[in-house]
Amino acid sequence: MAEACPEDWSRCEICGRNVPAALITQHHLTPKEKGGKAEHRVPVCRPCHKQVHALYGNTDLAKLYSTIDVLRQAPEMRHFIKWVRKQDPQSNVSTRQSNAHPGRGKR
């Protein structure tokens, strides 16, 4: 049975949680720098969006993770999704960049 939520809440397309609309961002399925268009964005909560970008660089997102279904099934994301579903939907959790991230150390 789906959990009722206030009208100003939205569903994250990655974790499936209902969260306050203020915690929803738009994720480009293909990054803008790789040719992504505004019409190819999906609503995701801030924790999931931060996790996606902490784990994957734009090249990997464009080549390997350009659909919500593929992102949800990625092993690193499956672990995070299982964890974040247990968190308070009104909180914004911390994220750390993966050591395997292609942009790690470049600043």
N, C-alpha and C. Protein backbone atom coordinates (compact mmCIF):
# COMPACT_ATOMS: atom_id res chain seq x y z
N MET A 1 0.83 -1.18 0.00
CA MET A 1 0.00 0.00 0.00
C MET A 1 0.88 1.24 0.00
N ALA A 2 0.62 2.17 -0.91
CA ALA A 2 1.43 3.38 -1.03
C ALA A 2 1.16 4.31 0.14
N GLU A 3 2.21 4.94 0.60
CA GLU A 3 2.12 5.87 1.72
C GLU A 3 1.53 7.19 1.24
N ALA A 4 0.55 7.72 1.98
CA ALA A 4 -0.03 9.02 1.62
C ALA A 4 0.98 10.10 1.92
N CYS A 5 0.99 11.13 1.10
CA CYS A 5 1.94 12.21 1.33
C CYS A 5 1.25 13.54 1.06
N PRO A 6 1.73 14.61 1.68
CA PRO A 6 1.17 15.93 1.43
C PRO A 6 1.27 16.31 -0.05
N GLU A 7 0.40 17.19 -0.48
CA GLU A 7 0.37 17.60 -1.89
C GLU A 7 1.66 18.25 -2.36
N ASP A 8 2.40 18.90 -1.46
CA ASP A 8 3.62 19.58 -1.87
C ASP A 8 4.84 18.66 -1.81
N TRP A 9 4.62 17.36 -1.76
CA TRP A 9 5.69 16.38 -1.80
C TRP A 9 5.73 15.74 -3.18
N SER A 10 6.89 15.23 -3.57
CA SER A 10 7.05 14.59 -4.87
C SER A 10 7.79 13.27 -4.71
N ARG A 11 7.68 12.42 -5.71
CA ARG A 11 8.33 11.11 -5.68
C ARG A 11 9.67 11.16 -6.40
N CYS A 12 10.69 10.60 -5.75
CA CYS A 12 12.02 10.48 -6.36
C CYS A 12 11.99 9.29 -7.31
N GLU A 13 12.47 9.48 -8.52
CA GLU A 13 12.46 8.43 -9.53
C GLU A 13 13.55 7.38 -9.29
N ILE A 14 14.49 7.67 -8.41
CA ILE A 14 15.54 6.68 -8.14
C ILE A 14 15.17 5.82 -6.93
N CYS A 15 14.95 6.44 -5.78
CA CYS A 15 14.68 5.65 -4.57
C CYS A 15 13.20 5.36 -4.36
N GLY A 16 12.34 6.11 -5.03
CA GLY A 16 10.91 5.89 -4.90
C GLY A 16 10.28 6.54 -3.68
N ARG A 17 11.07 7.25 -2.88
CA ARG A 17 10.51 7.89 -1.69
C ARG A 17 9.70 9.12 -2.07
N ASN A 18 8.70 9.43 -1.27
CA ASN A 18 8.00 10.70 -1.37
C ASN A 18 8.70 11.66 -0.43
N VAL A 19 9.15 12.79 -0.98
CA VAL A 19 9.91 13.77 -0.20
C VAL A 19 9.32 15.16 -0.44
N PRO A 20 9.63 16.13 0.45
CA PRO A 20 9.16 17.49 0.22
C PRO A 20 9.66 18.00 -1.14
N ALA A 21 8.82 18.76 -1.80
CA ALA A 21 9.17 19.28 -3.14
C ALA A 21 10.48 20.06 -3.11
N ALA A 22 10.82 20.67 -2.00
CA ALA A 22 12.07 21.44 -1.89
C ALA A 22 13.30 20.53 -2.00
N LEU A 23 13.14 19.24 -1.77
CA LEU A 23 14.27 18.30 -1.87
C LEU A 23 14.33 17.60 -3.22
N ILE A 24 13.49 18.02 -4.16
CA ILE A 24 13.51 17.42 -5.50
C ILE A 24 14.34 18.28 -6.44
N THR A 25 15.22 17.63 -7.18
CA THR A 25 16.02 18.30 -8.21
C THR A 25 15.77 17.57 -9.53
N GLN A 26 16.24 18.15 -10.61
CA GLN A 26 16.07 17.53 -11.93
C GLN A 26 17.41 16.96 -12.38
N HIS A 27 17.44 15.67 -12.62
CA HIS A 27 18.67 15.00 -13.07
C HIS A 27 18.62 14.81 -14.58
N HIS A 28 19.64 15.29 -15.28
CA HIS A 28 19.77 15.06 -16.72
C HIS A 28 20.22 13.61 -16.91
N LEU A 29 19.43 12.82 -17.61
CA LEU A 29 19.81 11.43 -17.85
C LEU A 29 21.10 11.35 -18.64
N THR A 30 21.28 12.24 -19.60
CA THR A 30 22.56 12.42 -20.28
C THR A 30 23.04 13.81 -19.85
N PRO A 31 24.23 13.92 -19.25
CA PRO A 31 24.71 15.22 -18.78
C PRO A 31 24.70 16.28 -19.89
N LYS A 32 24.45 17.52 -19.49
CA LYS A 32 24.40 18.62 -20.46
C LYS A 32 25.68 18.70 -21.29
N GLU A 33 26.82 18.51 -20.64
CA GLU A 33 28.09 18.61 -21.37
C GLU A 33 28.27 17.48 -22.39
N LYS A 34 27.44 16.44 -22.27
CA LYS A 34 27.48 15.31 -23.21
C LYS A 34 26.29 15.32 -24.16
N GLY A 35 25.59 16.48 -24.24
CA GLY A 35 24.48 16.63 -25.18
C GLY A 35 23.10 16.46 -24.59
N GLY A 36 22.99 16.34 -23.27
CA GLY A 36 21.69 16.17 -22.62
C GLY A 36 20.79 17.38 -22.82
N LYS A 37 19.52 17.13 -22.94
CA LYS A 37 18.51 18.18 -23.16
C LYS A 37 17.61 18.30 -21.93
N ALA A 38 17.02 19.48 -21.77
CA ALA A 38 16.14 19.74 -20.63
C ALA A 38 14.96 18.78 -20.59
N GLU A 39 14.47 18.39 -21.74
CA GLU A 39 13.30 17.50 -21.77
C GLU A 39 13.64 16.06 -21.35
N HIS A 40 14.91 15.76 -21.17
CA HIS A 40 15.34 14.43 -20.76
C HIS A 40 15.81 14.44 -19.31
N ARG A 41 15.10 15.18 -18.48
CA ARG A 41 15.42 15.24 -17.05
C ARG A 41 14.35 14.49 -16.27
N VAL A 42 14.74 13.99 -15.11
CA VAL A 42 13.80 13.28 -14.24
C VAL A 42 13.92 13.83 -12.82
N PRO A 43 12.81 13.86 -12.08
CA PRO A 43 12.85 14.35 -10.71
C PRO A 43 13.47 13.32 -9.77
N VAL A 44 14.47 13.74 -9.04
CA VAL A 44 15.12 12.88 -8.05
C VAL A 44 15.35 13.69 -6.78
N CYS A 45 15.38 13.01 -5.64
CA CYS A 45 15.65 13.72 -4.39
C CYS A 45 17.12 14.12 -4.33
N ARG A 46 17.39 15.14 -3.54
CA ARG A 46 18.78 15.63 -3.42
C ARG A 46 19.76 14.54 -2.98
N PRO A 47 19.42 13.71 -1.97
CA PRO A 47 20.38 12.67 -1.60
C PRO A 47 20.73 11.73 -2.75
N CYS A 48 19.73 11.30 -3.52
CA CYS A 48 20.01 10.40 -4.65
C CYS A 48 20.82 11.12 -5.72
N HIS A 49 20.47 12.37 -6.00
CA HIS A 49 21.17 13.13 -7.03
C HIS A 49 22.64 13.32 -6.65
N LYS A 50 22.87 13.67 -5.38
CA LYS A 50 24.25 13.83 -4.92
C LYS A 50 25.01 12.52 -5.00
N GLN A 51 24.34 11.42 -4.66
CA GLN A 51 25.00 10.11 -4.70
C GLN A 51 25.38 9.72 -6.12
N VAL A 52 24.49 9.96 -7.06
CA VAL A 52 24.78 9.65 -8.47
C VAL A 52 26.05 10.37 -8.91
N HIS A 53 26.14 11.67 -8.62
CA HIS A 53 27.28 12.44 -9.07
C HIS A 53 28.54 12.20 -8.22
N ALA A 54 28.36 11.68 -7.01
CA ALA A 54 29.52 11.31 -6.20
C ALA A 54 30.14 10.01 -6.71
N LEU A 55 29.32 9.16 -7.30
CA LEU A 55 29.80 7.86 -7.78
C LEU A 55 30.31 7.89 -9.21
N TYR A 56 29.65 8.67 -10.08
CA TYR A 56 29.91 8.57 -11.51
C TYR A 56 30.26 9.91 -12.13
N GLY A 57 31.22 9.90 -13.02
CA GLY A 57 31.55 11.08 -13.81
C GLY A 57 30.58 11.20 -14.98
N ASN A 58 30.59 12.35 -15.63
CA ASN A 58 29.66 12.59 -16.74
C ASN A 58 29.84 11.63 -17.90
N THR A 59 31.06 11.19 -18.17
CA THR A 59 31.28 10.24 -19.26
C THR A 59 30.60 8.91 -18.96
N ASP A 60 30.77 8.41 -17.73
CA ASP A 60 30.10 7.16 -17.35
C ASP A 60 28.58 7.33 -17.35
N LEU A 61 28.10 8.47 -16.87
CA LEU A 61 26.66 8.69 -16.87
C LEU A 61 26.10 8.66 -18.29
N ALA A 62 26.80 9.29 -19.22
CA ALA A 62 26.33 9.33 -20.61
C ALA A 62 26.40 7.96 -21.28
N LYS A 63 27.49 7.22 -21.04
CA LYS A 63 27.69 5.94 -21.73
C LYS A 63 27.01 4.76 -21.06
N LEU A 64 27.02 4.73 -19.72
CA LEU A 64 26.58 3.53 -19.00
C LEU A 64 25.29 3.67 -18.20
N TYR A 65 24.99 4.89 -17.77
CA TYR A 65 23.88 5.08 -16.83
C TYR A 65 22.90 6.14 -17.31
N SER A 66 22.46 6.05 -18.55
CA SER A 66 21.61 7.10 -19.12
C SER A 66 20.11 6.83 -19.00
N THR A 67 19.74 5.83 -18.19
CA THR A 67 18.32 5.62 -17.90
C THR A 67 18.16 5.42 -16.39
N ILE A 68 16.98 5.73 -15.92
CA ILE A 68 16.70 5.55 -14.49
C ILE A 68 16.80 4.09 -14.09
N ASP A 69 16.30 3.20 -14.93
CA ASP A 69 16.35 1.77 -14.60
C ASP A 69 17.78 1.26 -14.44
N VAL A 70 18.66 1.69 -15.32
CA VAL A 70 20.06 1.26 -15.23
C VAL A 70 20.72 1.86 -13.99
N LEU A 71 20.43 3.12 -13.69
CA LEU A 71 20.97 3.74 -12.47
C LEU A 71 20.50 2.99 -11.23
N ARG A 72 19.21 2.67 -11.16
CA ARG A 72 18.66 1.95 -10.01
C ARG A 72 19.32 0.59 -9.82
N GLN A 73 19.71 -0.06 -10.91
CA GLN A 73 20.27 -1.41 -10.83
C GLN A 73 21.78 -1.43 -10.62
N ALA A 74 22.44 -0.28 -10.73
CA ALA A 74 23.90 -0.23 -10.51
C ALA A 74 24.18 -0.70 -9.08
N PRO A 75 25.14 -1.59 -8.89
CA PRO A 75 25.40 -2.15 -7.55
C PRO A 75 25.62 -1.09 -6.48
N GLU A 76 26.38 -0.05 -6.80
CA GLU A 76 26.66 1.00 -5.81
C GLU A 76 25.38 1.74 -5.44
N MET A 77 24.51 1.96 -6.41
CA MET A 77 23.26 2.67 -6.15
C MET A 77 22.27 1.78 -5.41
N ARG A 78 22.24 0.50 -5.71
CA ARG A 78 21.30 -0.40 -5.02
C ARG A 78 21.55 -0.38 -3.52
N HIS A 79 22.81 -0.40 -3.13
CA HIS A 79 23.18 -0.35 -1.71
C HIS A 79 22.70 0.98 -1.11
N PHE A 80 22.96 2.08 -1.80
CA PHE A 80 22.56 3.40 -1.32
C PHE A 80 21.03 3.50 -1.23
N ILE A 81 20.32 3.04 -2.24
CA ILE A 81 18.85 3.12 -2.26
C ILE A 81 18.27 2.36 -1.06
N LYS A 82 18.78 1.17 -0.81
CA LYS A 82 18.32 0.39 0.34
C LYS A 82 18.49 1.19 1.63
N TRP A 83 19.62 1.86 1.77
CA TRP A 83 19.91 2.65 2.96
C TRP A 83 19.04 3.90 3.02
N VAL A 84 18.95 4.66 1.92
CA VAL A 84 18.27 5.95 1.96
C VAL A 84 16.76 5.79 2.18
N ARG A 85 16.21 4.67 1.77
CA ARG A 85 14.77 4.44 2.00
C ARG A 85 14.43 4.38 3.48
N LYS A 86 15.42 4.11 4.32
CA LYS A 86 15.21 4.05 5.77
C LYS A 86 15.37 5.41 6.44
N GLN A 87 15.84 6.41 5.69
CA GLN A 87 16.11 7.73 6.26
C GLN A 87 14.87 8.61 6.26
N ASP A 88 14.87 9.59 7.13
CA ASP A 88 13.77 10.56 7.21
C ASP A 88 13.65 11.27 5.87
N PRO A 89 12.48 11.22 5.22
CA PRO A 89 12.34 11.85 3.90
C PRO A 89 12.47 13.37 3.92
N GLN A 90 12.44 13.96 5.09
CA GLN A 90 12.57 15.41 5.17
C GLN A 90 14.00 15.86 5.40
N SER A 91 14.93 14.92 5.51
CA SER A 91 16.32 15.30 5.76
C SER A 91 17.16 15.15 4.49
N ASN A 92 18.20 15.95 4.43
CA ASN A 92 19.15 15.93 3.32
C ASN A 92 20.42 15.29 3.86
N VAL A 93 20.78 14.12 3.37
CA VAL A 93 21.91 13.37 3.91
C VAL A 93 23.23 13.78 3.26
N SER A 94 24.32 13.50 3.94
CA SER A 94 25.66 13.81 3.43
C SER A 94 26.10 12.76 2.42
N THR A 95 26.94 13.16 1.49
CA THR A 95 27.48 12.26 0.48
C THR A 95 28.96 12.54 0.32
N ARG A 96 29.73 11.49 0.07
CA ARG A 96 31.17 11.65 -0.19
C ARG A 96 31.47 11.10 -1.56
N GLN A 97 32.41 11.75 -2.24
CA GLN A 97 32.79 11.29 -3.58
C GLN A 97 33.52 9.96 -3.49
N SER A 98 33.17 9.06 -4.37
CA SER A 98 33.79 7.74 -4.41
C SER A 98 35.27 7.86 -4.76
N ASN A 99 36.10 7.00 -4.17
CA ASN A 99 37.52 6.97 -4.53
C ASN A 99 37.71 6.57 -5.99
N ALA A 100 36.74 5.87 -6.55
CA ALA A 100 36.84 5.42 -7.94
C ALA A 100 36.30 6.46 -8.93
N HIS A 101 35.76 7.57 -8.42
CA HIS A 101 35.20 8.61 -9.30
C HIS A 101 36.30 9.14 -10.22
N PRO A 102 35.99 9.27 -11.53
CA PRO A 102 37.02 9.72 -12.47
C PRO A 102 37.54 11.13 -12.19
N GLY A 103 36.75 11.96 -11.52
CA GLY A 103 37.19 13.33 -11.23
C GLY A 103 37.87 13.49 -9.89
N ARG A 104 38.06 12.38 -9.17
CA ARG A 104 38.65 12.43 -7.83
C ARG A 104 40.05 13.04 -7.88
N GLY A 105 40.29 14.03 -7.05
CA GLY A 105 41.59 14.65 -6.98
C GLY A 105 41.80 15.79 -7.94
N LYS A 106 40.85 16.01 -8.86
CA LYS A 106 40.98 17.11 -9.82
C LYS A 106 40.25 18.32 -9.27
N ARG A 107 40.95 19.30 -8.83
CA ARG A 107 40.33 20.55 -8.34
C ARG A 107 41.32 21.65 -8.46
